[in-house]
Protein backbone atom coordinates (compact mmCIF):
# COMPACT_ATOMS: atom_id res chain seq x y z
CA UNK A 1 5.67 -15.78 -17.68
CA UNK A 2 7.06 -14.39 -14.36
CA UNK A 3 6.32 -11.12 -12.70
CA UNK A 4 7.89 -8.90 -9.91
CA UNK A 5 5.58 -7.68 -7.11
CA UNK A 6 5.82 -4.00 -6.69
CA UNK A 7 5.43 -3.09 -3.04
CA UNK A 8 3.97 0.37 -1.91
CA UNK A 9 7.57 1.76 -1.23
CA UNK A 10 8.47 0.89 -4.81
CA UNK A 11 10.66 -2.13 -4.02
CA UNK A 12 10.40 -5.16 -6.15
CA UNK A 13 9.93 -8.76 -5.02
CA UNK A 14 10.00 -11.95 -6.80
CA UNK A 15 10.11 -13.11 -9.55
CA UNK A 16 7.07 -15.45 -9.37
CA UNK A 17 5.11 -17.43 -11.87
CA UNK A 18 1.29 -17.55 -12.13
CA UNK A 19 1.08 -20.60 -9.80
CA UNK A 20 3.10 -18.70 -7.11
CA UNK A 21 1.12 -15.60 -7.70
CA UNK A 22 -2.22 -17.40 -7.24
CA UNK A 23 -0.69 -19.05 -4.00
CA UNK A 24 -0.02 -15.57 -2.47
CA UNK A 25 -3.45 -14.37 -3.57
CA UNK A 26 -5.09 -17.31 -1.61
CA UNK A 27 -2.77 -16.45 1.37
CA UNK A 28 -3.90 -12.85 1.30
CA UNK A 29 -0.40 -11.48 0.49
CA UNK A 30 -1.41 -9.88 -3.06
CA UNK A 31 -4.58 -7.60 -3.51
CA UNK A 32 -6.40 -6.95 -6.76
CA UNK A 33 -4.80 -3.54 -6.87
CA UNK A 34 -1.22 -4.71 -6.15
CA UNK A 35 1.11 -3.65 -9.06
CA UNK A 36 3.02 -6.29 -10.93
CA UNK A 37 5.89 -5.87 -13.54
CA UNK A 38 6.76 -8.33 -16.26
CA UNK A 39 10.29 -9.62 -16.10
CA UNK A 40 10.33 -9.88 -19.90
CA UNK A 41 9.45 -6.31 -21.06
CA UNK A 42 8.96 -4.41 -17.89
CA UNK A 43 5.26 -3.80 -18.46
CA UNK A 44 3.43 -2.87 -15.37
CA UNK A 45 -0.29 -3.64 -14.46
CA UNK A 46 -2.51 -4.33 -11.65
CA UNK A 47 -2.93 -7.95 -10.48
CA UNK A 48 -6.73 -7.80 -11.09
CA UNK A 49 -6.12 -7.10 -14.77
CA UNK A 50 -3.69 -10.09 -15.35
CA UNK A 51 -5.52 -13.07 -16.97
CA UNK A 52 -4.97 -16.22 -14.99
CA UNK A 53 -4.97 -14.71 -11.55
CA UNK A 54 -7.94 -15.96 -9.48
CA UNK A 55 -9.29 -13.50 -6.77
CA UNK A 56 -12.46 -15.14 -6.61
CA UNK A 57 -11.58 -17.58 -3.87
CA UNK A 58 -9.25 -15.21 -2.01
CA UNK A 59 -10.37 -14.12 1.50
CA UNK A 60 -11.04 -10.46 2.15
CA UNK A 61 -7.84 -8.76 2.96
CA UNK A 62 -7.89 -7.08 6.42
CA UNK A 63 -6.74 -3.55 6.76
CA UNK A 64 -4.04 -4.69 9.20
CA UNK A 65 -0.60 -6.10 7.96
CA UNK A 66 -0.84 -9.43 6.29
CA UNK A 67 1.69 -12.16 5.83
CA UNK A 68 3.23 -10.05 3.08
CA UNK A 69 4.21 -7.25 5.38
CA UNK A 70 5.82 -7.21 8.82
CA UNK A 71 3.21 -7.30 11.63
CA UNK A 72 3.71 -5.05 14.59
CA UNK A 73 5.56 -6.38 17.60
CA UNK A 74 2.52 -6.73 19.77
CA UNK A 75 1.64 -10.49 20.17
CA UNK A 76 -1.32 -11.29 18.00
CA UNK A 77 -3.91 -13.56 19.16
CA UNK A 78 -4.79 -15.99 16.33
CA UNK A 79 -7.20 -18.99 16.02
CA UNK A 80 -5.27 -22.40 15.52
CA UNK A 81 -5.70 -23.96 12.13
CA UNK A 82 -8.15 -26.68 11.49
CA UNK A 83 -7.45 -29.76 13.08
CA UNK A 84 -5.76 -27.91 16.17
CA UNK A 85 -2.31 -27.58 14.31
CA UNK A 86 -0.19 -25.16 16.00
CA UNK A 87 0.86 -21.92 14.05
CA UNK A 88 3.92 -19.68 14.08
CA UNK A 89 5.14 -16.47 13.02
CA UNK A 90 8.64 -16.20 11.20
CA UNK A 91 10.53 -13.57 12.89
CA UNK A 92 12.85 -11.53 10.60
CA UNK A 93 16.14 -9.96 11.37
CA UNK A 94 14.53 -6.52 11.54
CA UNK A 95 11.99 -8.01 14.17
CA UNK A 96 9.02 -8.09 11.74
CA UNK A 97 6.69 -10.97 11.80
CA UNK A 98 5.56 -13.04 8.78
CA UNK A 99 2.52 -15.35 9.19
CA UNK A 100 1.15 -17.06 11.01
CA UNK A 101 1.59 -20.39 9.28
CA UNK A 102 1.28 -24.06 10.28
CA UNK A 103 3.85 -26.62 9.85
CA UNK A 104 2.88 -27.66 6.31
CA UNK A 105 3.08 -24.05 5.15
CA UNK A 106 6.45 -23.58 6.94
CA UNK A 107 7.63 -26.77 5.23
CA UNK A 108 6.68 -25.30 1.88
CA UNK A 109 8.52 -22.09 2.78
CA UNK A 110 11.59 -24.27 3.57
CA UNK A 111 11.50 -25.93 0.10
CA UNK A 112 11.37 -22.32 -1.41
CA UNK A 113 14.53 -21.41 0.52
CA UNK A 114 12.49 -18.69 2.49
CA UNK A 115 12.96 -20.61 5.68
CA UNK A 116 16.17 -22.21 7.13
CA UNK A 117 16.62 -24.44 10.15
CA UNK A 118 18.08 -21.57 12.11
CA UNK A 119 15.13 -19.13 11.46
CA UNK A 120 13.50 -17.85 14.57
CA UNK A 121 9.74 -18.73 15.01
CA UNK A 122 7.20 -17.47 17.50
CA UNK A 123 4.16 -19.44 18.62
CA UNK A 124 1.01 -17.64 17.57
CA UNK A 125 -0.87 -19.05 20.64
CA UNK A 126 1.88 -18.69 23.49
CA UNK A 127 4.36 -16.18 22.25
CA UNK A 128 7.22 -18.54 22.98
CA UNK A 129 10.12 -18.47 20.54
CA UNK A 130 12.26 -21.14 19.23
CA UNK A 131 14.18 -22.00 16.08
CA UNK A 132 12.61 -23.78 13.12
CA UNK A 133 14.75 -26.91 13.42
CA UNK A 134 13.22 -27.45 16.84
CA UNK A 135 9.40 -27.53 15.69
CA UNK A 136 8.10 -30.86 14.93
CA UNK A 137 6.52 -31.29 11.50
CA UNK A 138 8.72 -28.88 9.50
CA UNK A 139 10.76 -30.74 6.94
CA UNK A 140 13.80 -29.05 5.46
CA UNK A 141 15.54 -29.92 2.11
CA UNK A 142 18.59 -32.12 2.51
CA UNK A 143 20.80 -29.26 1.18
CA UNK A 144 19.52 -26.74 3.56
CA UNK A 145 21.77 -27.90 6.48
CA UNK A 146 24.79 -27.52 4.20
CA UNK A 147 23.95 -23.83 3.12
CA UNK A 148 25.38 -20.88 4.86
CA UNK A 149 22.56 -19.65 6.97
CA UNK A 150 22.19 -15.80 7.14
CA UNK A 151 21.00 -16.11 10.79
CA UNK A 152 23.63 -17.41 13.23
CA UNK A 153 23.22 -17.98 17.06
CA UNK A 154 25.09 -15.40 19.23
CA UNK A 155 26.54 -16.06 22.67
CA UNK A 156 23.27 -14.61 24.27
CA UNK A 157 21.17 -17.22 22.35
CA UNK A 158 19.51 -14.54 20.24
CA UNK A 159 19.81 -14.70 16.47
CA UNK A 160 21.33 -12.12 14.27
CA UNK A 161 21.67 -11.61 10.43
CA UNK A 162 24.74 -10.63 8.43
CA UNK A 163 22.50 -9.05 5.82
CA UNK A 164 19.36 -6.93 6.00
CA UNK A 165 16.27 -8.96 5.07
CA UNK A 166 13.73 -6.99 2.82
CA UNK A 167 10.04 -6.97 2.96
CA UNK A 168 8.41 -10.48 2.23
CA UNK A 169 8.13 -12.07 -0.21
CA UNK A 170 11.78 -11.32 -1.19
CA UNK A 171 13.47 -14.85 -0.60
CA UNK A 172 15.62 -13.79 2.32
CA UNK A 173 15.24 -16.64 4.67
CA UNK A 174 18.33 -18.61 3.86
CA UNK A 175 18.17 -18.36 0.13
CA UNK A 176 19.31 -15.78 -2.36
CA UNK A 177 22.25 -14.53 -0.21
CA UNK A 178 25.32 -12.82 -1.70
CA UNK A 179 28.58 -14.85 -1.19
CA UNK A 180 31.82 -13.51 0.23
CA UNK A 181 33.05 -13.25 -3.40
CA UNK A 182 30.11 -11.03 -4.24
CA UNK A 183 30.75 -8.70 -1.30
CA UNK A 184 34.57 -8.53 -1.85
CA UNK A 185 34.34 -7.24 -5.47
CA UNK A 186 35.52 -3.65 -5.74
CA UNK A 187 32.59 -1.31 -6.64
CA UNK A 188 33.67 1.29 -9.00
CA UNK A 189 30.33 3.12 -9.03
CA UNK A 190 30.69 3.73 -5.25
CA UNK A 191 34.31 4.85 -5.72
CA UNK A 192 33.85 7.31 -8.58
CA UNK A 193 30.44 8.68 -7.70
CA UNK A 194 30.75 8.19 -3.76
CA UNK A 195 28.27 10.49 -2.22
CA UNK A 196 25.67 10.42 -5.16
CA UNK A 197 25.87 6.56 -5.18
CA UNK A 198 25.56 6.54 -1.41
CA UNK A 199 22.46 8.58 -1.38
CA UNK A 200 20.86 6.40 -4.00
CA UNK A 201 21.69 3.22 -1.96
CA UNK A 202 20.24 4.68 1.35
CA UNK A 203 23.69 5.20 2.86
CA UNK A 204 23.89 8.95 3.94
CA UNK A 205 27.32 8.40 5.47
CA UNK A 206 28.69 8.66 2.06
CA UNK A 207 28.15 12.48 2.31
CA UNK A 208 31.45 12.55 4.25
CA UNK A 209 33.16 12.46 0.92
CA UNK A 210 31.30 15.65 -0.09
CA UNK A 211 31.93 17.34 3.11
CA UNK A 212 35.73 16.57 3.01
CA UNK A 213 35.72 18.03 -0.48
CA UNK A 214 33.98 21.16 0.42
CA UNK A 215 36.30 21.73 3.52
CA UNK A 216 39.37 21.05 1.35
CA UNK A 217 38.25 23.52 -1.17
CA UNK A 218 38.54 26.33 1.58
CA UNK A 219 42.33 25.61 1.76
CA UNK A 220 43.14 26.20 -1.96
CA UNK A 221 45.29 29.05 -1.20
CA UNK A 222 48.89 28.26 -2.03
CA UNK A 223 50.03 29.12 1.43
CA UNK A 224 47.92 26.20 2.79
CA UNK A 225 48.81 23.64 0.23
CA UNK A 226 49.87 21.23 2.95
CA UNK A 227 46.30 21.28 4.48
CA UNK A 228 44.64 21.00 1.15
CA UNK A 229 46.68 18.01 0.35
CA UNK A 230 45.65 16.27 3.63
CA UNK A 231 42.02 16.70 2.80
CA UNK A 232 42.63 15.36 -0.70
CA UNK A 233 44.16 12.32 0.63
CA UNK A 234 41.41 11.80 3.20
CA UNK A 235 38.76 12.09 0.48
CA UNK A 236 40.63 9.51 -1.70
CA UNK A 237 40.91 7.24 1.27
CA UNK A 238 37.19 7.51 2.12
CA UNK A 239 36.19 6.90 -1.66
CA UNK A 240 38.44 3.77 -1.65
CA UNK A 241 36.74 2.42 1.42
CA UNK A 242 33.39 3.05 -0.32
CA UNK A 243 34.58 1.09 -3.26
CA UNK A 244 35.61 -1.89 -0.94
CA UNK A 245 32.42 -1.91 1.02
CA UNK A 246 30.26 -0.85 -1.91
CA UNK A 247 28.57 -4.38 -2.70
CA UNK A 248 27.85 -5.04 1.00
CA UNK A 249 26.20 -1.50 1.39
CA UNK A 250 24.22 -2.01 -1.80
CA UNK A 251 22.77 -5.45 -0.66
CA UNK A 252 22.07 -4.29 2.79
CA UNK A 253 20.04 -1.24 1.29
CA UNK A 254 17.27 -3.70 0.56
CA UNK A 255 16.73 -2.23 -2.98
CA UNK A 256 17.53 -5.42 -4.69
CA UNK A 257 15.32 -8.74 -4.82
CA UNK A 258 18.41 -10.82 -6.04
CA UNK A 259 22.12 -10.81 -6.17
CA UNK A 260 22.01 -10.70 -9.88
CA UNK A 261 19.85 -7.65 -9.87
CA UNK A 262 22.29 -5.96 -7.46
CA UNK A 263 25.27 -6.67 -9.77
CA UNK A 264 23.56 -5.34 -12.87
CA UNK A 265 22.77 -2.21 -11.29
CA UNK A 266 26.36 -1.80 -9.97
CA UNK A 267 27.70 -2.31 -13.46
CA UNK A 268 25.56 0.53 -14.75
CA UNK A 269 26.85 2.82 -11.90
CA UNK A 270 30.42 1.82 -12.84
CA UNK A 271 29.87 2.89 -16.50
CA UNK A 272 28.45 6.15 -15.49
CA UNK A 273 31.39 6.79 -13.11
CA UNK A 274 33.98 5.93 -15.69
CA UNK A 275 32.10 8.00 -18.40
CA UNK A 276 31.91 11.07 -16.15
CA UNK A 277 35.60 10.69 -15.35
CA UNK A 278 36.65 10.42 -19.02
CA UNK A 279 34.50 13.42 -19.95
CA UNK A 280 35.99 15.51 -17.07
CA UNK A 281 39.56 14.51 -18.08
CA UNK A 282 38.90 15.47 -21.80
CA UNK A 283 37.31 18.79 -20.89
CA UNK A 284 40.19 19.57 -18.35
CA UNK A 285 42.72 18.75 -21.07
CA UNK A 286 41.08 20.96 -23.56
CA UNK A 287 40.80 23.82 -21.24
CA UNK A 288 44.53 23.46 -20.36
CA UNK A 289 45.44 23.48 -24.14
CA UNK A 290 43.21 26.46 -24.76
CA UNK A 291 44.79 28.40 -21.90
CA UNK A 292 48.27 27.57 -22.95
CA UNK A 293 47.53 28.83 -26.58
CA UNK A 294 46.04 32.11 -25.22
CA UNK A 295 49.11 32.68 -22.97
CA UNK A 296 51.37 32.04 -25.89
CA UNK A 297 49.43 34.43 -28.08
CA UNK A 298 49.47 37.18 -25.32
CA UNK A 299 53.34 36.57 -24.98
CA UNK A 300 53.84 36.94 -28.77
CA UNK A 301 51.82 40.26 -28.64
CA UNK A 302 53.83 41.71 -25.87
CA UNK A 303 57.10 40.65 -27.63
CA UNK A 304 56.31 42.90 -30.45
C-alpha cells in the first residue's frame, strides 16, 4: 500500500510505499507525528501508528529544518560523511536547500527522478556551487539526459525553473513535470469560476475579474450602455486569458504532487463551473417567463 505524506501546511507529497517511507524515516524526513494519507481510501493516520514503519533506528530529529524541508540560506557547517566523502545540498528553484547528501544518496535521488544533470548543488564544506553533472560519483539514468530538464542555464550562468518546485519530497527535480500539451489545454474551471478559482489556486490576480465586474455594474444606466459594454468585454477577455493560462497557474500553485492529481482537480472545477452556468441560465429563463406572464396578465386587466 502507498501513502501520501501530509506536510504541516496541508500539502501532500508522494505517493510512497513502505520501503520508501522507512527510508525517509532513516534519513530524518518523517517524524512519528507526521500525518499520512492512504491513496486507496483516503484514511489519515500518524506515521507512528502505521504497522511496518520502523522508528527504532531513526536518529533523533533536530528542531532545525531537515532534508525534508528547505534549510535557511545561511551556509550550514556539516561534518563530512564517513570515509571523507564530500556532501552537497540540492538547491531548489526557490533557493531552498535539501540535504546534505553524499554522491551515493544523490545517485539514488537521480534514479528516482528527484535530481537531474542540471540540478544545482552546493558543497556542504566550502559553499561552492556547481551542477550535478559536474560532481564525480553521481550516476544518472541513461534516459535522464534525454528528458526535458525543468532547470535550464541562463546567459548569466545561473539556473532557473519554468515551474515552481514544491516542498520536498515532491518529485520535482526533473521528474513529474507537466508537458506543453498539459499546459496548453483550456481550463474551463478557471474561465467560468475565474476569481473564486484563482483564490483557491493561490493566484490573487484573478480578483481583477471581480473588480471589472463590480466597476462595470456601476454603469448599468441606459445612458452609459457603451461604457458598460466595454467593461463586459474586458471581463470576458480576462476570463478567457485565465482559461488559457489556467493549467500553468494551477501547477505553479504548488498544490499538487502529481500532474494527474492536478488534472483530476481541474475536471472537478470545470464540472462545477458548467453546473452553476446551467442553473443560472435555467433560473434566468424561468424568471423571464414569469415576468412575461405577469406583464401579459396586467395588460389584459388594463384592457378591460
